[in-house]
Amino acid sequence: MAFELNEEKALDVLIWWVEGSDGSIDFYEEEAVEKILKDMNYSPETYYEETMMHIGGLGTENIKKLVNESIEYGSTHFSDHRKQQAIALLYAVAESNGDISEGQQEKIDKLKRAFGTGDPKAFEQE
């Protein structure tokens, strides 16, 4: 099955990217992700059964490429309101276990720069 980015899947990838950057995905983060997806009328099933399964089958370089493509997709296709909402939601996921890790903050800051400039190339993946 082909994995094509759309608004929902791009946000799914970004959630996964921020959520796991502290080295683990805990129960509270998982609960926050499910609540956020439902609040946005997105499918938790799409997140787990399509996006996570796709990411799980990728190598490191392809994961970096997918993250970059998701940021570019969001930068060019999300409205300003959706960009602000995505950042707020990613903060909520990161804060759900009580503390935002340095890695999570760095990723959110990079995403804010990419979304703030409207230039997807403003983001540079390490």
PDB file of N, CA and C in Angstrom:
ATOM      1  N   MET A   1       0.840  -1.171   0.000  1.00  0.00           N
ATOM      2  CA  MET A   1       0.000   0.000   0.000  1.00  0.00           C
ATOM      3  C   MET A   1       0.888   1.237   0.000  1.00  0.00           C
ATOM      4  N   ALA A   2       0.625   2.144  -0.899  1.00  0.00           N
ATOM      5  CA  ALA A   2       1.401   3.376  -0.996  1.00  0.00           C
ATOM      6  C   ALA A   2       1.072   4.298   0.169  1.00  0.00           C
ATOM      7  N   PHE A   3       2.079   4.993   0.629  1.00  0.00           N
ATOM      8  CA  PHE A   3       1.904   5.941   1.726  1.00  0.00           C
ATOM      9  C   PHE A   3       2.017   7.338   1.138  1.00  0.00           C
ATOM     10  N   GLU A   4       0.890   7.998   1.002  1.00  0.00           N
ATOM     11  CA  GLU A   4       0.873   9.348   0.456  1.00  0.00           C
ATOM     12  C   GLU A   4       0.548  10.329   1.563  1.00  0.00           C
ATOM     13  N   LEU A   5       1.361  11.374   1.640  1.00  0.00           N
ATOM     14  CA  LEU A   5       1.112  12.385   2.651  1.00  0.00           C
ATOM     15  C   LEU A   5      -0.153  13.158   2.338  1.00  0.00           C
ATOM     16  N   ASN A   6      -0.907  13.419   3.375  1.00  0.00           N
ATOM     17  CA  ASN A   6      -2.021  14.351   3.341  1.00  0.00           C
ATOM     18  C   ASN A   6      -1.928  15.107   4.663  1.00  0.00           C
ATOM     19  N   GLU A   7      -2.870  15.962   4.943  1.00  0.00           N
ATOM     20  CA  GLU A   7      -2.793  16.762   6.158  1.00  0.00           C
ATOM     21  C   GLU A   7      -2.705  15.883   7.412  1.00  0.00           C
ATOM     22  N   GLU A   8      -3.534  14.858   7.458  1.00  0.00           N
ATOM     23  CA  GLU A   8      -3.561  13.979   8.630  1.00  0.00           C
ATOM     24  C   GLU A   8      -2.260  13.200   8.778  1.00  0.00           C
ATOM     25  N   LYS A   9      -1.793  12.589   7.713  1.00  0.00           N
ATOM     26  CA  LYS A   9      -0.584  11.768   7.812  1.00  0.00           C
ATOM     27  C   LYS A   9       0.660  12.608   8.065  1.00  0.00           C
ATOM     28  N   ALA A  10       0.715  13.817   7.507  1.00  0.00           N
ATOM     29  CA  ALA A  10       1.853  14.698   7.789  1.00  0.00           C
ATOM     30  C   ALA A  10       1.896  15.018   9.279  1.00  0.00           C
ATOM     31  N   LEU A  11       0.747  15.331   9.858  1.00  0.00           N
ATOM     32  CA  LEU A  11       0.701  15.612  11.292  1.00  0.00           C
ATOM     33  C   LEU A  11       1.022  14.351  12.090  1.00  0.00           C
ATOM     34  N   ASP A  12       0.554  13.187  11.647  1.00  0.00           N
ATOM     35  CA  ASP A  12       0.886  11.925  12.316  1.00  0.00           C
ATOM     36  C   ASP A  12       2.400  11.742  12.412  1.00  0.00           C
ATOM     37  N   VAL A  13       3.094  11.988  11.306  1.00  0.00           N
ATOM     38  CA  VAL A  13       4.557  11.826  11.285  1.00  0.00           C
ATOM     39  C   VAL A  13       5.203  12.806  12.264  1.00  0.00           C
ATOM     40  N   LEU A  14       4.713  14.040  12.277  1.00  0.00           N
ATOM     41  CA  LEU A  14       5.281  15.045  13.177  1.00  0.00           C
ATOM     42  C   LEU A  14       5.012  14.703  14.637  1.00  0.00           C
ATOM     43  N   ILE A  15       3.842  14.159  14.920  1.00  0.00           N
ATOM     44  CA  ILE A  15       3.543  13.703  16.282  1.00  0.00           C
ATOM     45  C   ILE A  15       4.525  12.609  16.675  1.00  0.00           C
ATOM     46  N   TRP A  16       4.707  11.627  15.818  1.00  0.00           N
ATOM     47  CA  TRP A  16       5.639  10.533  16.095  1.00  0.00           C
ATOM     48  C   TRP A  16       7.047  11.076  16.321  1.00  0.00           C
ATOM     49  N   TRP A  17       7.463  12.012  15.483  1.00  0.00           N
ATOM     50  CA  TRP A  17       8.809  12.586  15.539  1.00  0.00           C
ATOM     51  C   TRP A  17       9.058  13.284  16.875  1.00  0.00           C
ATOM     52  N   VAL A  18       8.113  14.091  17.323  1.00  0.00           N
ATOM     53  CA  VAL A  18       8.260  14.810  18.589  1.00  0.00           C
ATOM     54  C   VAL A  18       8.060  13.866  19.771  1.00  0.00           C
ATOM     55  N   GLU A  19       7.059  13.025  19.681  1.00  0.00           N
ATOM     56  CA  GLU A  19       6.707  12.134  20.785  1.00  0.00           C
ATOM     57  C   GLU A  19       7.871  11.232  21.184  1.00  0.00           C
ATOM     58  N   GLY A  20       8.571  10.705  20.236  1.00  0.00           N
ATOM     59  CA  GLY A  20       9.633   9.749  20.528  1.00  0.00           C
ATOM     60  C   GLY A  20      11.008  10.352  20.707  1.00  0.00           C
ATOM     61  N   SER A  21      11.130  11.667  20.610  1.00  0.00           N
ATOM     62  CA  SER A  21      12.462  12.269  20.647  1.00  0.00           C
ATOM     63  C   SER A  21      13.116  12.242  22.017  1.00  0.00           C
ATOM     64  N   ASP A  22      12.353  11.952  23.048  1.00  0.00           N
ATOM     65  CA  ASP A  22      12.960  11.846  24.375  1.00  0.00           C
ATOM     66  C   ASP A  22      13.408  10.418  24.671  1.00  0.00           C
ATOM     67  N   GLY A  23      13.344   9.567  23.670  1.00  0.00           N
ATOM     68  CA  GLY A  23      13.835   8.201  23.816  1.00  0.00           C
ATOM     69  C   GLY A  23      12.779   7.175  24.182  1.00  0.00           C
ATOM     70  N   SER A  24      11.585   7.651  24.535  1.00  0.00           N
ATOM     71  CA  SER A  24      10.518   6.715  24.881  1.00  0.00           C
ATOM     72  C   SER A  24       9.170   7.351  24.608  1.00  0.00           C
ATOM     73  N   ILE A  25       8.191   6.515  24.466  1.00  0.00           N
ATOM     74  CA  ILE A  25       6.812   6.962  24.298  1.00  0.00           C
ATOM     75  C   ILE A  25       6.037   6.333  25.442  1.00  0.00           C
ATOM     76  N   ASP A  26       5.627   7.186  26.383  1.00  0.00           N
ATOM     77  CA  ASP A  26       4.980   6.625  27.562  1.00  0.00           C
ATOM     78  C   ASP A  26       3.459   6.653  27.450  1.00  0.00           C
ATOM     79  N   PHE A  27       2.831   6.090  28.453  1.00  0.00           N
ATOM     80  CA  PHE A  27       1.376   5.952  28.486  1.00  0.00           C
ATOM     81  C   PHE A  27       0.676   7.298  28.337  1.00  0.00           C
ATOM     82  N   TYR A  28       1.160   8.320  29.052  1.00  0.00           N
ATOM     83  CA  TYR A  28       0.511   9.628  29.021  1.00  0.00           C
ATOM     84  C   TYR A  28       0.634  10.285  27.649  1.00  0.00           C
ATOM     85  N   GLU A  29       1.780  10.088  26.995  1.00  0.00           N
ATOM     86  CA  GLU A  29       1.941  10.613  25.635  1.00  0.00           C
ATOM     87  C   GLU A  29       0.987   9.911  24.677  1.00  0.00           C
ATOM     88  N   GLU A  30       0.860   8.596  24.832  1.00  0.00           N
ATOM     89  CA  GLU A  30      -0.070   7.850  23.979  1.00  0.00           C
ATOM     90  C   GLU A  30      -1.509   8.334  24.172  1.00  0.00           C
ATOM     91  N   GLU A  31      -1.891   8.558  25.429  1.00  0.00           N
ATOM     92  CA  GLU A  31      -3.238   9.073  25.702  1.00  0.00           C
ATOM     93  C   GLU A  31      -3.440  10.445  25.065  1.00  0.00           C
ATOM     94  N   ALA A  32      -2.434  11.309  25.179  1.00  0.00           N
ATOM     95  CA  ALA A  32      -2.516  12.650  24.597  1.00  0.00           C
ATOM     96  C   ALA A  32      -2.659  12.580  23.084  1.00  0.00           C
ATOM     97  N   VAL A  33      -1.897  11.693  22.455  1.00  0.00           N
ATOM     98  CA  VAL A  33      -1.981  11.540  20.994  1.00  0.00           C
ATOM     99  C   VAL A  33      -3.392  11.121  20.596  1.00  0.00           C
ATOM    100  N   GLU A  34      -3.937  10.115  21.260  1.00  0.00           N
ATOM    101  CA  GLU A  34      -5.287   9.657  20.909  1.00  0.00           C
ATOM    102  C   GLU A  34      -6.327  10.747  21.091  1.00  0.00           C
ATOM    103  N   LYS A  35      -6.233  11.502  22.185  1.00  0.00           N
ATOM    104  CA  LYS A  35      -7.183  12.589  22.429  1.00  0.00           C
ATOM    105  C   LYS A  35      -7.064  13.668  21.350  1.00  0.00           C
ATOM    106  N   ILE A  36      -5.843  14.044  21.019  1.00  0.00           N
ATOM    107  CA  ILE A  36      -5.616  15.078  20.009  1.00  0.00           C
ATOM    108  C   ILE A  36      -6.161  14.634  18.656  1.00  0.00           C
ATOM    109  N   LEU A  37      -5.860  13.423  18.273  1.00  0.00           N
ATOM    110  CA  LEU A  37      -6.338  12.925  16.977  1.00  0.00           C
ATOM    111  C   LEU A  37      -7.863  12.919  16.930  1.00  0.00           C
ATOM    112  N   LYS A  38      -8.491  12.477  17.998  1.00  0.00           N
ATOM    113  CA  LYS A  38      -9.959  12.456  18.032  1.00  0.00           C
ATOM    114  C   LYS A  38     -10.533  13.873  18.011  1.00  0.00           C
ATOM    115  N   ASP A  39      -9.890  14.801  18.761  1.00  0.00           N
ATOM    116  CA  ASP A  39     -10.357  16.194  18.779  1.00  0.00           C
ATOM    117  C   ASP A  39     -10.282  16.841  17.397  1.00  0.00           C
ATOM    118  N   MET A  40      -9.333  16.402  16.581  1.00  0.00           N
ATOM    119  CA  MET A  40      -9.163  16.966  15.240  1.00  0.00           C
ATOM    120  C   MET A  40      -9.956  16.187  14.197  1.00  0.00           C
ATOM    121  N   ASN A  41     -10.750  15.236  14.640  1.00  0.00           N
ATOM    122  CA  ASN A  41     -11.489  14.348  13.739  1.00  0.00           C
ATOM    123  C   ASN A  41     -10.556  13.549  12.827  1.00  0.00           C
ATOM    124  N   TYR A  42      -9.377  13.222  13.362  1.00  0.00           N
ATOM    125  CA  TYR A  42      -8.449  12.341  12.677  1.00  0.00           C
ATOM    126  C   TYR A  42      -8.582  10.965  13.309  1.00  0.00           C
ATOM    127  N   SER A  43      -8.118   9.980  12.621  1.00  0.00           N
ATOM    128  CA  SER A  43      -8.305   8.604  13.046  1.00  0.00           C
ATOM    129  C   SER A  43      -7.087   8.065  13.796  1.00  0.00           C
ATOM    130  N   PRO A  44      -7.275   7.648  15.051  1.00  0.00           N
ATOM    131  CA  PRO A  44      -6.179   6.961  15.731  1.00  0.00           C
ATOM    132  C   PRO A  44      -5.761   5.694  14.968  1.00  0.00           C
ATOM    133  N   GLU A  45      -6.707   5.082  14.281  1.00  0.00           N
ATOM    134  CA  GLU A  45      -6.383   3.885  13.494  1.00  0.00           C
ATOM    135  C   GLU A  45      -5.418   4.231  12.363  1.00  0.00           C
ATOM    136  N   THR A  46      -5.623   5.376  11.712  1.00  0.00           N
ATOM    137  CA  THR A  46      -4.695   5.794  10.656  1.00  0.00           C
ATOM    138  C   THR A  46      -3.307   5.997  11.250  1.00  0.00           C
ATOM    139  N   TYR A  47      -3.253   6.623  12.411  1.00  0.00           N
ATOM    140  CA  TYR A  47      -1.971   6.868  13.075  1.00  0.00           C
ATOM    141  C   TYR A  47      -1.250   5.553  13.352  1.00  0.00           C
ATOM    142  N   TYR A  48      -1.940   4.618  13.972  1.00  0.00           N
ATOM    143  CA  TYR A  48      -1.290   3.365  14.370  1.00  0.00           C
ATOM    144  C   TYR A  48      -1.149   2.373  13.221  1.00  0.00           C
ATOM    145  N   GLU A  49      -2.205   2.207  12.436  1.00  0.00           N
ATOM    146  CA  GLU A  49      -2.212   1.147  11.424  1.00  0.00           C
ATOM    147  C   GLU A  49      -1.556   1.550  10.118  1.00  0.00           C
ATOM    148  N   GLU A  50      -1.536   2.826   9.805  1.00  0.00           N
ATOM    149  CA  GLU A  50      -0.912   3.251   8.549  1.00  0.00           C
ATOM    150  C   GLU A  50       0.415   3.966   8.795  1.00  0.00           C
ATOM    151  N   THR A  51       0.363   5.052   9.539  1.00  0.00           N
ATOM    152  CA  THR A  51       1.571   5.862   9.714  1.00  0.00           C
ATOM    153  C   THR A  51       2.643   5.124  10.505  1.00  0.00           C
ATOM    154  N   MET A  52       2.301   4.600  11.666  1.00  0.00           N
ATOM    155  CA  MET A  52       3.300   3.916  12.486  1.00  0.00           C
ATOM    156  C   MET A  52       3.830   2.660  11.795  1.00  0.00           C
ATOM    157  N   MET A  53       2.966   1.940  11.132  1.00  0.00           N
ATOM    158  CA  MET A  53       3.410   0.744  10.409  1.00  0.00           C
ATOM    159  C   MET A  53       4.371   1.140   9.282  1.00  0.00           C
ATOM    160  N   HIS A  54       4.061   2.213   8.590  1.00  0.00           N
ATOM    161  CA  HIS A  54       4.933   2.678   7.509  1.00  0.00           C
ATOM    162  C   HIS A  54       6.293   3.096   8.069  1.00  0.00           C
ATOM    163  N   ILE A  55       6.281   3.894   9.118  1.00  0.00           N
ATOM    164  CA  ILE A  55       7.538   4.357   9.710  1.00  0.00           C
ATOM    165  C   ILE A  55       8.363   3.171  10.201  1.00  0.00           C
ATOM    166  N   GLY A  56       7.695   2.193  10.800  1.00  0.00           N
ATOM    167  CA  GLY A  56       8.391   1.017  11.325  1.00  0.00           C
ATOM    168  C   GLY A  56       9.138   0.231  10.265  1.00  0.00           C
ATOM    169  N   GLY A  57       8.725   0.351   9.022  1.00  0.00           N
ATOM    170  CA  GLY A  57       9.376  -0.374   7.941  1.00  0.00           C
ATOM    171  C   GLY A  57      10.467   0.407   7.234  1.00  0.00           C
ATOM    172  N   LEU A  58      10.745   1.625   7.711  1.00  0.00           N
ATOM    173  CA  LEU A  58      11.736   2.476   7.055  1.00  0.00           C
ATOM    174  C   LEU A  58      13.078   2.435   7.760  1.00  0.00           C
ATOM    175  N   GLY A  59      14.122   2.633   6.985  1.00  0.00           N
ATOM    176  CA  GLY A  59      15.450   2.803   7.547  1.00  0.00           C
ATOM    177  C   GLY A  59      15.634   4.250   7.997  1.00  0.00           C
ATOM    178  N   THR A  60      16.720   4.519   8.686  1.00  0.00           N
ATOM    179  CA  THR A  60      16.981   5.830   9.259  1.00  0.00           C
ATOM    180  C   THR A  60      16.937   6.949   8.226  1.00  0.00           C
ATOM    181  N   GLU A  61      17.592   6.771   7.111  1.00  0.00           N
ATOM    182  CA  GLU A  61      17.624   7.824   6.085  1.00  0.00           C
ATOM    183  C   GLU A  61      16.237   8.092   5.508  1.00  0.00           C
ATOM    184  N   ASN A  62      15.464   7.043   5.318  1.00  0.00           N
ATOM    185  CA  ASN A  62      14.113   7.225   4.795  1.00  0.00           C
ATOM    186  C   ASN A  62      13.182   7.858   5.835  1.00  0.00           C
ATOM    187  N   ILE A  63      13.431   7.606   7.109  1.00  0.00           N
ATOM    188  CA  ILE A  63      12.652   8.262   8.157  1.00  0.00           C
ATOM    189  C   ILE A  63      12.954   9.760   8.143  1.00  0.00           C
ATOM    190  N   LYS A  64      14.234  10.120   8.055  1.00  0.00           N
ATOM    191  CA  LYS A  64      14.601  11.538   7.975  1.00  0.00           C
ATOM    192  C   LYS A  64      13.940  12.203   6.774  1.00  0.00           C
ATOM    193  N   LYS A  65      13.946  11.495   5.655  1.00  0.00           N
ATOM    194  CA  LYS A  65      13.324  12.026   4.440  1.00  0.00           C
ATOM    195  C   LYS A  65      11.820  12.226   4.654  1.00  0.00           C
ATOM    196  N   LEU A  66      11.154  11.256   5.272  1.00  0.00           N
ATOM    197  CA  LEU A  66       9.722  11.356   5.526  1.00  0.00           C
ATOM    198  C   LEU A  66       9.408  12.519   6.464  1.00  0.00           C
ATOM    199  N   VAL A  67      10.218  12.705   7.500  1.00  0.00           N
ATOM    200  CA  VAL A  67      10.014  13.833   8.416  1.00  0.00           C
ATOM    201  C   VAL A  67      10.162  15.143   7.654  1.00  0.00           C
ATOM    202  N   ASN A  68      11.216  15.255   6.855  1.00  0.00           N
ATOM    203  CA  ASN A  68      11.409  16.474   6.061  1.00  0.00           C
ATOM    204  C   ASN A  68      10.241  16.712   5.104  1.00  0.00           C
ATOM    205  N   GLU A  69       9.777  15.659   4.464  1.00  0.00           N
ATOM    206  CA  GLU A  69       8.633  15.789   3.554  1.00  0.00           C
ATOM    207  C   GLU A  69       7.374  16.211   4.305  1.00  0.00           C
ATOM    208  N   SER A  70       7.204  15.707   5.518  1.00  0.00           N
ATOM    209  CA  SER A  70       6.037  16.075   6.334  1.00  0.00           C
ATOM    210  C   SER A  70       6.104  17.538   6.740  1.00  0.00           C
ATOM    211  N   ILE A  71       7.284  17.996   7.093  1.00  0.00           N
ATOM    212  CA  ILE A  71       7.449  19.417   7.446  1.00  0.00           C
ATOM    213  C   ILE A  71       7.192  20.279   6.216  1.00  0.00           C
ATOM    214  N   GLU A  72       7.722  19.873   5.090  1.00  0.00           N
ATOM    215  CA  GLU A  72       7.495  20.631   3.852  1.00  0.00           C
ATOM    216  C   GLU A  72       6.009  20.635   3.501  1.00  0.00           C
ATOM    217  N   TYR A  73       5.360  19.494   3.653  1.00  0.00           N
ATOM    218  CA  TYR A  73       3.929  19.409   3.372  1.00  0.00           C
ATOM    219  C   TYR A  73       3.169  20.380   4.270  1.00  0.00           C
ATOM    220  N   GLY A  74       3.454  20.343   5.563  1.00  0.00           N
ATOM    221  CA  GLY A  74       2.782  21.239   6.494  1.00  0.00           C
ATOM    222  C   GLY A  74       3.065  22.698   6.197  1.00  0.00           C
ATOM    223  N   SER A  75       4.304  22.990   5.852  1.00  0.00           N
ATOM    224  CA  SER A  75       4.694  24.372   5.572  1.00  0.00           C
ATOM    225  C   SER A  75       3.979  24.924   4.343  1.00  0.00           C
ATOM    226  N   THR A  76       3.756  24.074   3.365  1.00  0.00           N
ATOM    227  CA  THR A  76       3.146  24.548   2.121  1.00  0.00           C
ATOM    228  C   THR A  76       1.638  24.327   2.036  1.00  0.00           C
ATOM    229  N   HIS A  77       1.100  23.356   2.773  1.00  0.00           N
ATOM    230  CA  HIS A  77      -0.320  23.033   2.652  1.00  0.00           C
ATOM    231  C   HIS A  77      -1.174  23.429   3.852  1.00  0.00           C
ATOM    232  N   PHE A  78      -0.588  23.522   5.040  1.00  0.00           N
ATOM    233  CA  PHE A  78      -1.371  23.910   6.217  1.00  0.00           C
ATOM    234  C   PHE A  78      -1.663  25.406   6.161  1.00  0.00           C
ATOM    235  N   SER A  79      -2.855  25.776   6.548  1.00  0.00           N
ATOM    236  CA  SER A  79      -3.174  27.199   6.712  1.00  0.00           C
ATOM    237  C   SER A  79      -2.381  27.724   7.912  1.00  0.00           C
ATOM    238  N   ASP A  80      -2.307  29.039   8.049  1.00  0.00           N
ATOM    239  CA  ASP A  80      -1.616  29.606   9.210  1.00  0.00           C
ATOM    240  C   ASP A  80      -2.245  29.098  10.503  1.00  0.00           C
ATOM    241  N   HIS A  81      -3.571  29.018  10.519  1.00  0.00           N
ATOM    242  CA  HIS A  81      -4.264  28.520  11.709  1.00  0.00           C
ATOM    243  C   HIS A  81      -3.878  27.067  11.991  1.00  0.00           C
ATOM    244  N   ARG A  82      -3.828  26.238  10.964  1.00  0.00           N
ATOM    245  CA  ARG A  82      -3.485  24.819  11.147  1.00  0.00           C
ATOM    246  C   ARG A  82      -2.038  24.684  11.619  1.00  0.00           C
ATOM    247  N   LYS A  83      -1.138  25.538  11.129  1.00  0.00           N
ATOM    248  CA  LYS A  83       0.256  25.505  11.588  1.00  0.00           C
ATOM    249  C   LYS A  83       0.325  25.811  13.081  1.00  0.00           C
ATOM    250  N   GLN A  84      -0.387  26.852  13.511  1.00  0.00           N
ATOM    251  CA  GLN A  84      -0.408  27.221  14.925  1.00  0.00           C
ATOM    252  C   GLN A  84      -1.021  26.098  15.754  1.00  0.00           C
ATOM    253  N   GLN A  85      -2.077  25.505  15.237  1.00  0.00           N
ATOM    254  CA  GLN A  85      -2.738  24.414  15.937  1.00  0.00           C
ATOM    255  C   GLN A  85      -1.804  23.207  16.050  1.00  0.00           C
ATOM    256  N   ALA A  86      -1.091  22.894  14.985  1.00  0.00           N
ATOM    257  CA  ALA A  86      -0.164  21.761  15.006  1.00  0.00           C
ATOM    258  C   ALA A  86       0.928  21.970  16.056  1.00  0.00           C
ATOM    259  N   ILE A  87       1.485  23.171  16.119  1.00  0.00           N
ATOM    260  CA  ILE A  87       2.514  23.458  17.112  1.00  0.00           C
ATOM    261  C   ILE A  87       1.940  23.298  18.524  1.00  0.00           C
ATOM    262  N   ALA A  88       0.756  23.848  18.749  1.00  0.00           N
ATOM    263  CA  ALA A  88       0.115  23.738  20.069  1.00  0.00           C
ATOM    264  C   ALA A  88      -0.136  22.274  20.428  1.00  0.00           C
ATOM    265  N   LEU A  89      -0.579  21.486  19.465  1.00  0.00           N
ATOM    266  CA  LEU A  89      -0.837  20.073  19.725  1.00  0.00           C
ATOM    267  C   LEU A  89       0.448  19.314  20.034  1.00  0.00           C
ATOM    268  N   LEU A  90       1.511  19.648  19.329  1.00  0.00           N
ATOM    269  CA  LEU A  90       2.786  18.984  19.589  1.00  0.00           C
ATOM    270  C   LEU A  90       3.323  19.347  20.968  1.00  0.00           C
ATOM    271  N   TYR A  91       3.111  20.588  21.388  1.00  0.00           N
ATOM    272  CA  TYR A  91       3.463  20.957  22.757  1.00  0.00           C
ATOM    273  C   TYR A  91       2.643  20.131  23.751  1.00  0.00           C
ATOM    274  N   ALA A  92       1.365  19.957  23.484  1.00  0.00           N
ATOM    275  CA  ALA A  92       0.511  19.184  24.396  1.00  0.00           C
ATOM    276  C   ALA A  92       0.995  17.747  24.516  1.00  0.00           C
ATOM    277  N   VAL A  93       1.396  17.155  23.404  1.00  0.00           N
ATOM    278  CA  VAL A  93       1.927  15.793  23.446  1.00  0.00           C
ATOM    279  C   VAL A  93       3.221  15.767  24.253  1.00  0.00           C
ATOM    280  N   ALA A  94       4.110  16.704  23.972  1.00  0.00           N
ATOM    281  CA  ALA A  94       5.402  16.733  24.657  1.00  0.00           C
ATOM    282  C   ALA A  94       5.232  16.965  26.159  1.00  0.00           C
ATOM    283  N   GLU A  95       4.259  17.777  26.544  1.00  0.00           N
ATOM    284  CA  GLU A  95       4.039  18.097  27.956  1.00  0.00           C
ATOM    285  C   GLU A  95       3.213  17.049  28.692  1.00  0.00           C
ATOM    286  N   SER A  96       2.652  16.101  27.988  1.00  0.00           N
ATOM    287  CA  SER A  96       1.700  15.166  28.584  1.00  0.00           C
ATOM    288  C   SER A  96       2.295  14.312  29.691  1.00  0.00           C
ATOM    289  N   ASN A  97       3.588  14.082  29.664  1.00  0.00           N
ATOM    290  CA  ASN A  97       4.201  13.288  30.736  1.00  0.00           C
ATOM    291  C   ASN A  97       4.832  14.184  31.794  1.00  0.00           C
ATOM    292  N   GLY A  98       4.494  15.473  31.762  1.00  0.00           N
ATOM    293  CA  GLY A  98       4.918  16.396  32.805  1.00  0.00           C
ATOM    294  C   GLY A  98       6.141  17.224  32.483  1.00  0.00           C
ATOM    295  N   ASP A  99       6.883  16.887  31.441  1.00  0.00           N
ATOM    296  CA  ASP A  99       8.117  17.607  31.157  1.00  0.00           C
ATOM    297  C   ASP A  99       8.436  17.516  29.666  1.00  0.00           C
ATOM    298  N   ILE A 100       8.815  18.638  29.087  1.00  0.00           N
ATOM    299  CA  ILE A 100       9.264  18.635  27.696  1.00  0.00           C
ATOM    300  C   ILE A 100      10.768  18.412  27.706  1.00  0.00           C
ATOM    301  N   SER A 101      11.208  17.383  27.025  1.00  0.00           N
ATOM    302  CA  SER A 101      12.646  17.103  26.981  1.00  0.00           C
ATOM    303  C   SER A 101      13.333  18.124  26.072  1.00  0.00           C
ATOM    304  N   GLU A 102      14.632  18.210  26.217  1.00  0.00           N
ATOM    305  CA  GLU A 102      15.410  19.123  25.375  1.00  0.00           C
ATOM    306  C   GLU A 102      15.247  18.754  23.897  1.00  0.00           C
ATOM    307  N   GLY A 103      15.260  17.462  23.594  1.00  0.00           N
ATOM    308  CA  GLY A 103      15.096  17.013  22.214  1.00  0.00           C
ATOM    309  C   GLY A 103      13.737  17.377  21.643  1.00  0.00           C
ATOM    310  N   GLN A 104      12.701  17.224  22.459  1.00  0.00           N
ATOM    311  CA  GLN A 104      11.359  17.591  22.004  1.00  0.00           C
ATOM    312  C   GLN A 104      11.282  19.091  21.736  1.00  0.00           C
ATOM    313  N   GLN A 105      11.853  19.902  22.637  1.00  0.00           N
ATOM    314  CA  GLN A 105      11.820  21.349  22.463  1.00  0.00           C
ATOM    315  C   GLN A 105      12.577  21.761  21.207  1.00  0.00           C
ATOM    316  N   GLU A 106      13.717  21.145  20.970  1.00  0.00           N
ATOM    317  CA  GLU A 106      14.508  21.463  19.772  1.00  0.00           C
ATOM    318  C   GLU A 106      13.716  21.168  18.503  1.00  0.00           C
ATOM    319  N   LYS A 107      13.029  20.044  18.475  1.00  0.00           N
ATOM    320  CA  LYS A 107      12.254  19.681  17.285  1.00  0.00           C
ATOM    321  C   LYS A 107      11.070  20.630  17.091  1.00  0.00           C
ATOM    322  N   ILE A 108      10.397  20.967  18.171  1.00  0.00           N
ATOM    323  CA  ILE A 108       9.275  21.909  18.059  1.00  0.00           C
ATOM    324  C   ILE A 108       9.791  23.275  17.607  1.00  0.00           C
ATOM    325  N   ASP A 109      10.928  23.710  18.121  1.00  0.00           N
ATOM    326  CA  ASP A 109      11.498  24.995  17.707  1.00  0.00           C
ATOM    327  C   ASP A 109      11.847  24.988  16.218  1.00  0.00           C
ATOM    328  N   LYS A 110      12.419  23.894  15.734  1.00  0.00           N
ATOM    329  CA  LYS A 110      12.743  23.790  14.311  1.00  0.00           C
ATOM    330  C   LYS A 110      11.475  23.828  13.464  1.00  0.00           C
ATOM    331  N   LEU A 111      10.455  23.150  13.940  1.00  0.00           N
ATOM    332  CA  LEU A 111       9.185  23.147  13.216  1.00  0.00           C
ATOM    333  C   LEU A 111       8.565  24.547  13.215  1.00  0.00           C
ATOM    334  N   LYS A 112       8.646  25.242  14.328  1.00  0.00           N
ATOM    335  CA  LYS A 112       8.126  26.610  14.407  1.00  0.00           C
ATOM    336  C   LYS A 112       8.844  27.514  13.413  1.00  0.00           C
ATOM    337  N   ARG A 113      10.165  27.353  13.290  1.00  0.00           N
ATOM    338  CA  ARG A 113      10.908  28.163  12.322  1.00  0.00           C
ATOM    339  C   ARG A 113      10.455  27.853  10.895  1.00  0.00           C
ATOM    340  N   ALA A 114      10.310  26.571  10.587  1.00  0.00           N
ATOM    341  CA  ALA A 114       9.888  26.192   9.236  1.00  0.00           C
ATOM    342  C   ALA A 114       8.478  26.693   8.935  1.00  0.00           C
ATOM    343  N   PHE A 115       7.586  26.558   9.885  1.00  0.00           N
ATOM    344  CA  PHE A 115       6.211  27.015   9.679  1.00  0.00           C
ATOM    345  C   PHE A 115       6.120  28.537   9.716  1.00  0.00           C
ATOM    346  N   GLY A 116       6.939  29.172  10.532  1.00  0.00           N
ATOM    347  CA  GLY A 116       6.881  30.621  10.669  1.00  0.00           C
ATOM    348  C   GLY A 116       7.348  31.364   9.439  1.00  0.00           C
ATOM    349  N   THR A 117       8.300  30.809   8.741  1.00  0.00           N
ATOM    350  CA  THR A 117       8.824  31.482   7.564  1.00  0.00           C
ATOM    351  C   THR A 117       8.029  31.126   6.320  1.00  0.00           C
ATOM    352  N   GLY A 118       7.272  30.053   6.396  1.00  0.00           N
ATOM    353  CA  GLY A 118       6.585  29.571   5.203  1.00  0.00           C
ATOM    354  C   GLY A 118       7.537  28.904   4.233  1.00  0.00           C
ATOM    355  N   ASP A 119       8.803  28.785   4.641  1.00  0.00           N
ATOM    356  CA  ASP A 119       9.823  28.192   3.782  1.00  0.00           C
ATOM    357  C   ASP A 119      10.194  26.821   4.326  1.00  0.00           C
ATOM    358  N   PRO A 120       9.769  25.746   3.652  1.00  0.00           N
ATOM    359  CA  PRO A 120      10.070  24.411   4.162  1.00  0.00           C
ATOM    360  C   PRO A 120      11.561  24.131   4.209  1.00  0.00           C
ATOM    361  N   LYS A 121      12.352  24.869   3.453  1.00  0.00           N
ATOM    362  CA  LYS A 121      13.801  24.661   3.457  1.00  0.00           C
ATOM    363  C   LYS A 121      14.442  25.292   4.690  1.00  0.00           C
ATOM    364  N   ALA A 122      13.669  26.055   5.489  1.00  0.00           N
ATOM    365  CA  ALA A 122      14.177  26.653   6.712  1.00  0.00           C
ATOM    366  C   ALA A 122      14.499  25.579   7.735  1.00  0.00           C
ATOM    367  N   PHE A 123      13.944  24.408   7.537  1.00  0.00           N
ATOM    368  CA  PHE A 123      14.192  23.295   8.435  1.00  0.00           C
ATOM    369  C   PHE A 123      15.348  22.480   7.887  1.00  0.00           C
ATOM    370  N   GLU A 124      16.303  22.188   8.736  1.00  0.00           N
ATOM    371  CA  GLU A 124      17.411  21.333   8.321  1.00  0.00           C
ATOM    372  C   GLU A 124      17.537  20.195   9.308  1.00  0.00           C
ATOM    373  N   GLN A 125      17.320  19.000   8.842  1.00  0.00           N
ATOM    374  CA  GLN A 125      17.403  17.796   9.660  1.00  0.00           C
ATOM    375  C   GLN A 125      18.866  17.457   9.907  1.00  0.00           C
ATOM    376  N   GLU A 126      19.196  17.140  11.150  1.00  0.00           N
ATOM    377  CA  GLU A 126      20.564  16.698  11.443  1.00  0.00           C
ATOM    378  C   GLU A 126      20.826  15.380  10.806  1.00  0.00           C
TER     379      GLU A 126
END
